[in-house]
């Protein structure tokens, strides 16, 4: 019984990485909007960097979610 409760607590703590991913994605898009508004001619330079930052931030969130599911299924 105690082990099952600890498993749920661990899975919940592992899911906190999703909040970090949300903050990271928000920061990436905020910086891209700010940079584009300051210098609109650099949009083609900012866009690939923005997409890469979004992908990396979202990947960390997916890893946290995967870890949470692994903890629940073990």
PDB file of N, CA and C in Angstrom:
ATOM      1  N   UNK A   1       0.818  -1.188   0.000  1.00  0.00           N
ATOM      2  CA  UNK A   1       0.000   0.000   0.000  1.00  0.00           C
ATOM      3  C   UNK A   1       0.871   1.264   0.000  1.00  0.00           C
ATOM      4  N   UNK A   2       1.893   1.285   0.839  1.00  0.00           N
ATOM      5  CA  UNK A   2       2.787   2.438   0.909  1.00  0.00           C
ATOM      6  C   UNK A   2       3.572   2.590  -0.393  1.00  0.00           C
ATOM      7  N   UNK A   3       3.998   1.461  -0.964  1.00  0.00           N
ATOM      8  CA  UNK A   3       4.750   1.527  -2.219  1.00  0.00           C
ATOM      9  C   UNK A   3       3.894   2.098  -3.338  1.00  0.00           C
ATOM     10  N   UNK A   4       2.617   1.753  -3.362  1.00  0.00           N
ATOM     11  CA  UNK A   4       1.716   2.275  -4.393  1.00  0.00           C
ATOM     12  C   UNK A   4       1.552   3.795  -4.239  1.00  0.00           C
ATOM     13  N   UNK A   5       1.440   4.267  -3.015  1.00  0.00           N
ATOM     14  CA  UNK A   5       1.325   5.706  -2.773  1.00  0.00           C
ATOM     15  C   UNK A   5       2.587   6.450  -3.173  1.00  0.00           C
ATOM     16  N   UNK A   6       3.731   5.850  -2.870  1.00  0.00           N
ATOM     17  CA  UNK A   6       5.002   6.466  -3.257  1.00  0.00           C
ATOM     18  C   UNK A   6       5.160   6.510  -4.774  1.00  0.00           C
ATOM     19  N   UNK A   7       4.625   5.503  -5.444  1.00  0.00           N
ATOM     20  CA  UNK A   7       4.682   5.479  -6.904  1.00  0.00           C
ATOM     21  C   UNK A   7       3.890   6.649  -7.484  1.00  0.00           C
ATOM     22  N   UNK A   8       2.711   6.913  -6.916  1.00  0.00           N
ATOM     23  CA  UNK A   8       1.894   8.034  -7.395  1.00  0.00           C
ATOM     24  C   UNK A   8       2.557   9.376  -7.103  1.00  0.00           C
ATOM     25  N   UNK A   9       3.184   9.483  -5.948  1.00  0.00           N
ATOM     26  CA  UNK A   9       3.888  10.721  -5.621  1.00  0.00           C
ATOM     27  C   UNK A   9       5.052  10.936  -6.582  1.00  0.00           C
ATOM     28  N   UNK A  10       5.806   9.890  -6.867  1.00  0.00           N
ATOM     29  CA  UNK A  10       6.922  10.002  -7.802  1.00  0.00           C
ATOM     30  C   UNK A  10       6.473  10.359  -9.200  1.00  0.00           C
ATOM     31  N   UNK A  11       5.367   9.775  -9.640  1.00  0.00           N
ATOM     32  CA  UNK A  11       4.852  10.097 -10.972  1.00  0.00           C
ATOM     33  C   UNK A  11       4.387  11.547 -11.033  1.00  0.00           C
ATOM     34  N   UNK A  12       3.778  12.020  -9.962  1.00  0.00           N
ATOM     35  CA  UNK A  12       3.355  13.417  -9.919  1.00  0.00           C
ATOM     36  C   UNK A  12       4.528  14.375  -9.933  1.00  0.00           C
ATOM     37  N   UNK A  13       5.574  14.027  -9.203  1.00  0.00           N
ATOM     38  CA  UNK A  13       6.771  14.874  -9.207  1.00  0.00           C
ATOM     39  C   UNK A  13       7.455  14.873 -10.569  1.00  0.00           C
ATOM     40  N   UNK A  14       7.444  13.728 -11.245  1.00  0.00           N
ATOM     41  CA  UNK A  14       8.046  13.659 -12.577  1.00  0.00           C
ATOM     42  C   UNK A  14       7.253  14.493 -13.573  1.00  0.00           C
ATOM     43  N   UNK A  15       5.959  14.631 -13.342  1.00  0.00           N
ATOM     44  CA  UNK A  15       5.122  15.410 -14.252  1.00  0.00           C
ATOM     45  C   UNK A  15       5.326  16.914 -14.103  1.00  0.00           C
ATOM     46  N   UNK A  16       6.038  17.355 -13.062  1.00  0.00           N
ATOM     47  CA  UNK A  16       6.324  18.780 -12.918  1.00  0.00           C
ATOM     48  C   UNK A  16       7.188  19.300 -14.071  1.00  0.00           C
ATOM     49  N   UNK A  17       7.873  18.406 -14.765  1.00  0.00           N
ATOM     50  CA  UNK A  17       8.646  18.822 -15.932  1.00  0.00           C
ATOM     51  C   UNK A  17       7.784  19.403 -17.032  1.00  0.00           C
ATOM     52  N   UNK A  18       6.514  19.049 -17.033  1.00  0.00           N
ATOM     53  CA  UNK A  18       5.603  19.608 -18.031  1.00  0.00           C
ATOM     54  C   UNK A  18       5.385  21.100 -17.805  1.00  0.00           C
ATOM     55  N   UNK A  19       5.383  21.529 -16.565  1.00  0.00           N
ATOM     56  CA  UNK A  19       5.247  22.959 -16.281  1.00  0.00           C
ATOM     57  C   UNK A  19       6.467  23.720 -16.795  1.00  0.00           C
ATOM     58  N   UNK A  20       7.637  23.132 -16.616  1.00  0.00           N
ATOM     59  CA  UNK A  20       8.847  23.757 -17.141  1.00  0.00           C
ATOM     60  C   UNK A  20       8.841  23.853 -18.646  1.00  0.00           C
ATOM     61  N   UNK A  21       8.303  22.845 -19.301  1.00  0.00           N
ATOM     62  CA  UNK A  21       8.207  22.883 -20.760  1.00  0.00           C
ATOM     63  C   UNK A  21       7.249  23.978 -21.204  1.00  0.00           C
ATOM     64  N   UNK A  22       6.155  24.148 -20.478  1.00  0.00           N
ATOM     65  CA  UNK A  22       5.217  25.220 -20.814  1.00  0.00           C
ATOM     66  C   UNK A  22       5.839  26.592 -20.673  1.00  0.00           C
ATOM     67  N   UNK A  23       6.597  26.789 -19.619  1.00  0.00           N
ATOM     68  CA  UNK A  23       7.286  28.066 -19.421  1.00  0.00           C
ATOM     69  C   UNK A  23       8.327  28.273 -20.521  1.00  0.00           C
ATOM     70  N   UNK A  24       9.053  27.207 -20.869  1.00  0.00           N
ATOM     71  CA  UNK A  24      10.067  27.310 -21.917  1.00  0.00           C
ATOM     72  C   UNK A  24       9.487  27.674 -23.263  1.00  0.00           C
ATOM     73  N   UNK A  25       8.367  27.056 -23.622  1.00  0.00           N
ATOM     74  CA  UNK A  25       7.716  27.368 -24.899  1.00  0.00           C
ATOM     75  C   UNK A  25       7.225  28.814 -24.886  1.00  0.00           C
ATOM     76  N   UNK A  26       6.671  29.245 -23.765  1.00  0.00           N
ATOM     77  CA  UNK A  26       6.231  30.638 -23.672  1.00  0.00           C
ATOM     78  C   UNK A  26       7.372  31.621 -23.830  1.00  0.00           C
ATOM     79  N   UNK A  27       8.508  31.318 -23.232  1.00  0.00           N
ATOM     80  CA  UNK A  27       9.671  32.201 -23.357  1.00  0.00           C
ATOM     81  C   UNK A  27      10.215  32.227 -24.783  1.00  0.00           C
ATOM     82  N   UNK A  28      10.203  31.083 -25.449  1.00  0.00           N
ATOM     83  CA  UNK A  28      10.695  31.026 -26.836  1.00  0.00           C
ATOM     84  C   UNK A  28       9.840  31.911 -27.732  1.00  0.00           C
ATOM     85  N   UNK A  29       8.532  31.780 -27.623  1.00  0.00           N
ATOM     86  CA  UNK A  29       7.665  32.573 -28.487  1.00  0.00           C
ATOM     87  C   UNK A  29       7.658  34.045 -28.092  1.00  0.00           C
ATOM     88  N   UNK A  30       7.781  34.339 -26.807  1.00  0.00           N
ATOM     89  CA  UNK A  30       7.855  35.741 -26.388  1.00  0.00           C
ATOM     90  C   UNK A  30       9.107  36.407 -26.944  1.00  0.00           C
ATOM     91  N   UNK A  31      10.226  35.698 -26.898  1.00  0.00           N
ATOM     92  CA  UNK A  31      11.470  36.263 -27.431  1.00  0.00           C
ATOM     93  C   UNK A  31      11.393  36.435 -28.944  1.00  0.00           C
ATOM     94  N   UNK A  32      10.746  35.479 -29.623  1.00  0.00           N
ATOM     95  CA  UNK A  32      10.609  35.595 -31.078  1.00  0.00           C
ATOM     96  C   UNK A  32       9.718  36.772 -31.454  1.00  0.00           C
ATOM     97  N   UNK A  33       8.633  36.962 -30.730  1.00  0.00           N
ATOM     98  CA  UNK A  33       7.751  38.097 -31.012  1.00  0.00           C
ATOM     99  C   UNK A  33       8.463  39.415 -30.730  1.00  0.00           C
ATOM    100  N   UNK A  34       9.191  39.452 -29.627  1.00  0.00           N
ATOM    101  CA  UNK A  34       9.923  40.669 -29.278  1.00  0.00           C
ATOM    102  C   UNK A  34      10.995  40.976 -30.328  1.00  0.00           C
ATOM    103  N   UNK A  35      11.745  39.948 -30.724  1.00  0.00           N
ATOM    104  CA  UNK A  35      12.791  40.167 -31.716  1.00  0.00           C
ATOM    105  C   UNK A  35      12.237  40.584 -33.065  1.00  0.00           C
ATOM    106  N   UNK A  36      11.112  40.001 -33.462  1.00  0.00           N
ATOM    107  CA  UNK A  36      10.507  40.351 -34.741  1.00  0.00           C
ATOM    108  C   UNK A  36       9.918  41.760 -34.694  1.00  0.00           C
ATOM    109  N   UNK A  37       9.358  42.131 -33.565  1.00  0.00           N
ATOM    110  CA  UNK A  37       8.799  43.486 -33.471  1.00  0.00           C
ATOM    111  C   UNK A  37       9.898  44.546 -33.445  1.00  0.00           C
ATOM    112  N   UNK A  38      11.054  44.200 -32.908  1.00  0.00           N
ATOM    113  CA  UNK A  38      12.165  45.154 -32.892  1.00  0.00           C
ATOM    114  C   UNK A  38      12.821  45.298 -34.258  1.00  0.00           C
ATOM    115  N   UNK A  39      12.887  44.178 -34.999  1.00  0.00           N
ATOM    116  CA  UNK A  39      13.539  44.212 -36.309  1.00  0.00           C
ATOM    117  C   UNK A  39      12.817  43.246 -37.252  1.00  0.00           C
ATOM    118  N   UNK A  40      11.770  43.702 -37.920  1.00  0.00           N
ATOM    119  CA  UNK A  40      10.970  42.812 -38.761  1.00  0.00           C
ATOM    120  C   UNK A  40      11.736  42.189 -39.929  1.00  0.00           C
ATOM    121  N   UNK A  41      12.807  42.805 -40.361  1.00  0.00           N
ATOM    122  CA  UNK A  41      13.552  42.253 -41.496  1.00  0.00           C
ATOM    123  C   UNK A  41      14.314  40.980 -41.121  1.00  0.00           C
ATOM    124  N   UNK A  42      14.480  40.703 -39.839  1.00  0.00           N
ATOM    125  CA  UNK A  42      15.204  39.514 -39.382  1.00  0.00           C
ATOM    126  C   UNK A  42      14.284  38.319 -39.135  1.00  0.00           C
ATOM    127  N   UNK A  43      13.050  38.385 -39.614  1.00  0.00           N
ATOM    128  CA  UNK A  43      12.088  37.311 -39.367  1.00  0.00           C
ATOM    129  C   UNK A  43      12.583  35.976 -39.912  1.00  0.00           C
ATOM    130  N   UNK A  44      13.183  35.995 -41.091  1.00  0.00           N
ATOM    131  CA  UNK A  44      13.657  34.736 -41.687  1.00  0.00           C
ATOM    132  C   UNK A  44      14.841  34.152 -40.920  1.00  0.00           C
ATOM    133  N   UNK A  45      15.536  34.955 -40.158  1.00  0.00           N
ATOM    134  CA  UNK A  45      16.628  34.463 -39.316  1.00  0.00           C
ATOM    135  C   UNK A  45      16.084  33.946 -37.984  1.00  0.00           C
ATOM    136  N   UNK A  46      15.060  34.615 -37.473  1.00  0.00           N
ATOM    137  CA  UNK A  46      14.507  34.256 -36.167  1.00  0.00           C
ATOM    138  C   UNK A  46      13.668  32.987 -36.235  1.00  0.00           C
ATOM    139  N   UNK A  47      12.950  32.781 -37.347  1.00  0.00           N
ATOM    140  CA  UNK A  47      12.012  31.658 -37.435  1.00  0.00           C
ATOM    141  C   UNK A  47      12.660  30.286 -37.220  1.00  0.00           C
ATOM    142  N   UNK A  48      13.775  29.931 -37.888  1.00  0.00           N
ATOM    143  CA  UNK A  48      14.353  28.596 -37.638  1.00  0.00           C
ATOM    144  C   UNK A  48      14.844  28.409 -36.201  1.00  0.00           C
ATOM    145  N   UNK A  49      15.377  29.466 -35.616  1.00  0.00           N
ATOM    146  CA  UNK A  49      15.841  29.383 -34.235  1.00  0.00           C
ATOM    147  C   UNK A  49      14.647  29.194 -33.299  1.00  0.00           C
ATOM    148  N   UNK A  50      13.533  29.877 -33.604  1.00  0.00           N
ATOM    149  CA  UNK A  50      12.328  29.744 -32.795  1.00  0.00           C
ATOM    150  C   UNK A  50      11.784  28.320 -32.862  1.00  0.00           C
ATOM    151  N   UNK A  51      11.755  27.749 -34.053  1.00  0.00           N
ATOM    152  CA  UNK A  51      11.239  26.385 -34.211  1.00  0.00           C
ATOM    153  C   UNK A  51      12.131  25.387 -33.471  1.00  0.00           C
ATOM    154  N   UNK A  52      13.440  25.569 -33.541  1.00  0.00           N
ATOM    155  CA  UNK A  52      14.355  24.683 -32.821  1.00  0.00           C
ATOM    156  C   UNK A  52      14.170  24.813 -31.303  1.00  0.00           C
ATOM    157  N   UNK A  53      14.029  26.029 -30.815  1.00  0.00           N
ATOM    158  CA  UNK A  53      13.804  26.230 -29.389  1.00  0.00           C
ATOM    159  C   UNK A  53      12.491  25.621 -28.930  1.00  0.00           C
ATOM    160  N   UNK A  54      11.454  25.752 -29.752  1.00  0.00           N
ATOM    161  CA  UNK A  54      10.166  25.147 -29.416  1.00  0.00           C
ATOM    162  C   UNK A  54      10.286  23.633 -29.354  1.00  0.00           C
ATOM    163  N   UNK A  55      10.961  23.047 -30.335  1.00  0.00           N
ATOM    164  CA  UNK A  55      11.093  21.585 -30.380  1.00  0.00           C
ATOM    165  C   UNK A  55      11.878  21.065 -29.170  1.00  0.00           C
ATOM    166  N   UNK A  56      12.944  21.742 -28.804  1.00  0.00           N
ATOM    167  CA  UNK A  56      13.739  21.289 -27.663  1.00  0.00           C
ATOM    168  C   UNK A  56      12.979  21.447 -26.347  1.00  0.00           C
ATOM    169  N   UNK A  57      12.250  22.543 -26.189  1.00  0.00           N
ATOM    170  CA  UNK A  57      11.480  22.741 -24.965  1.00  0.00           C
ATOM    171  C   UNK A  57      10.350  21.719 -24.866  1.00  0.00           C
ATOM    172  N   UNK A  58       9.701  21.443 -25.981  1.00  0.00           N
ATOM    173  CA  UNK A  58       8.607  20.476 -25.976  1.00  0.00           C
ATOM    174  C   UNK A  58       9.131  19.054 -25.751  1.00  0.00           C
ATOM    175  N   UNK A  59      10.324  18.758 -26.251  1.00  0.00           N
ATOM    176  CA  UNK A  59      10.906  17.421 -26.056  1.00  0.00           C
ATOM    177  C   UNK A  59      11.170  17.149 -24.579  1.00  0.00           C
ATOM    178  N   UNK A  60      11.617  18.153 -23.850  1.00  0.00           N
ATOM    179  CA  UNK A  60      11.841  17.933 -22.418  1.00  0.00           C
ATOM    180  C   UNK A  60      10.531  17.640 -21.698  1.00  0.00           C
ATOM    181  N   UNK A  61       9.467  18.304 -22.108  1.00  0.00           N
ATOM    182  CA  UNK A  61       8.156  18.020 -21.525  1.00  0.00           C
ATOM    183  C   UNK A  61       7.688  16.608 -21.851  1.00  0.00           C
ATOM    184  N   UNK A  62       7.919  16.173 -23.069  1.00  0.00           N
ATOM    185  CA  UNK A  62       7.528  14.816 -23.442  1.00  0.00           C
ATOM    186  C   UNK A  62       8.341  13.768 -22.701  1.00  0.00           C
ATOM    187  N   UNK A  63       9.621  14.058 -22.462  1.00  0.00           N
ATOM    188  CA  UNK A  63      10.440  13.130 -21.673  1.00  0.00           C
ATOM    189  C   UNK A  63       9.932  13.038 -20.242  1.00  0.00           C
ATOM    190  N   UNK A  64       9.522  14.169 -19.674  1.00  0.00           N
ATOM    191  CA  UNK A  64       8.981  14.155 -18.312  1.00  0.00           C
ATOM    192  C   UNK A  64       7.681  13.366 -18.257  1.00  0.00           C
ATOM    193  N   UNK A  65       6.825  13.533 -19.259  1.00  0.00           N
ATOM    194  CA  UNK A  65       5.574  12.790 -19.300  1.00  0.00           C
ATOM    195  C   UNK A  65       5.838  11.302 -19.467  1.00  0.00           C
ATOM    196  N   UNK A  66       6.795  10.946 -20.318  1.00  0.00           N
ATOM    197  CA  UNK A  66       7.148   9.544 -20.520  1.00  0.00           C
ATOM    198  C   UNK A  66       7.686   8.928 -19.227  1.00  0.00           C
ATOM    199  N   UNK A  67       8.517   9.668 -18.520  1.00  0.00           N
ATOM    200  CA  UNK A  67       9.060   9.176 -17.261  1.00  0.00           C
ATOM    201  C   UNK A  67       7.948   8.964 -16.236  1.00  0.00           C
ATOM    202  N   UNK A  68       6.994   9.862 -16.220  1.00  0.00           N
ATOM    203  CA  UNK A  68       5.867   9.714 -15.310  1.00  0.00           C
ATOM    204  C   UNK A  68       5.077   8.449 -15.617  1.00  0.00           C
ATOM    205  N   UNK A  69       4.841   8.174 -16.894  1.00  0.00           N
ATOM    206  CA  UNK A  69       4.127   6.949 -17.271  1.00  0.00           C
ATOM    207  C   UNK A  69       4.945   5.698 -16.964  1.00  0.00           C
ATOM    208  N   UNK A  70       6.251   5.768 -17.134  1.00  0.00           N
ATOM    209  CA  UNK A  70       7.105   4.615 -16.818  1.00  0.00           C
ATOM    210  C   UNK A  70       7.044   4.318 -15.325  1.00  0.00           C
ATOM    211  N   UNK A  71       7.049   5.372 -14.502  1.00  0.00           N
ATOM    212  CA  UNK A  71       6.972   5.159 -13.055  1.00  0.00           C
ATOM    213  C   UNK A  71       5.637   4.525 -12.682  1.00  0.00           C
ATOM    214  N   UNK A  72       4.557   4.967 -13.303  1.00  0.00           N
ATOM    215  CA  UNK A  72       3.244   4.405 -12.990  1.00  0.00           C
ATOM    216  C   UNK A  72       3.112   2.950 -13.415  1.00  0.00           C
ATOM    217  N   UNK A  73       3.767   2.570 -14.513  1.00  0.00           N
ATOM    218  CA  UNK A  73       3.626   1.204 -15.033  1.00  0.00           C
ATOM    219  C   UNK A  73       4.630   0.230 -14.457  1.00  0.00           C
ATOM    220  N   UNK A  74       5.549   0.680 -13.636  1.00  0.00           N
ATOM    221  CA  UNK A  74       6.543  -0.244 -13.083  1.00  0.00           C
ATOM    222  C   UNK A  74       6.072  -0.877 -11.787  1.00  0.00           C
TER     223      UNK A  74
END
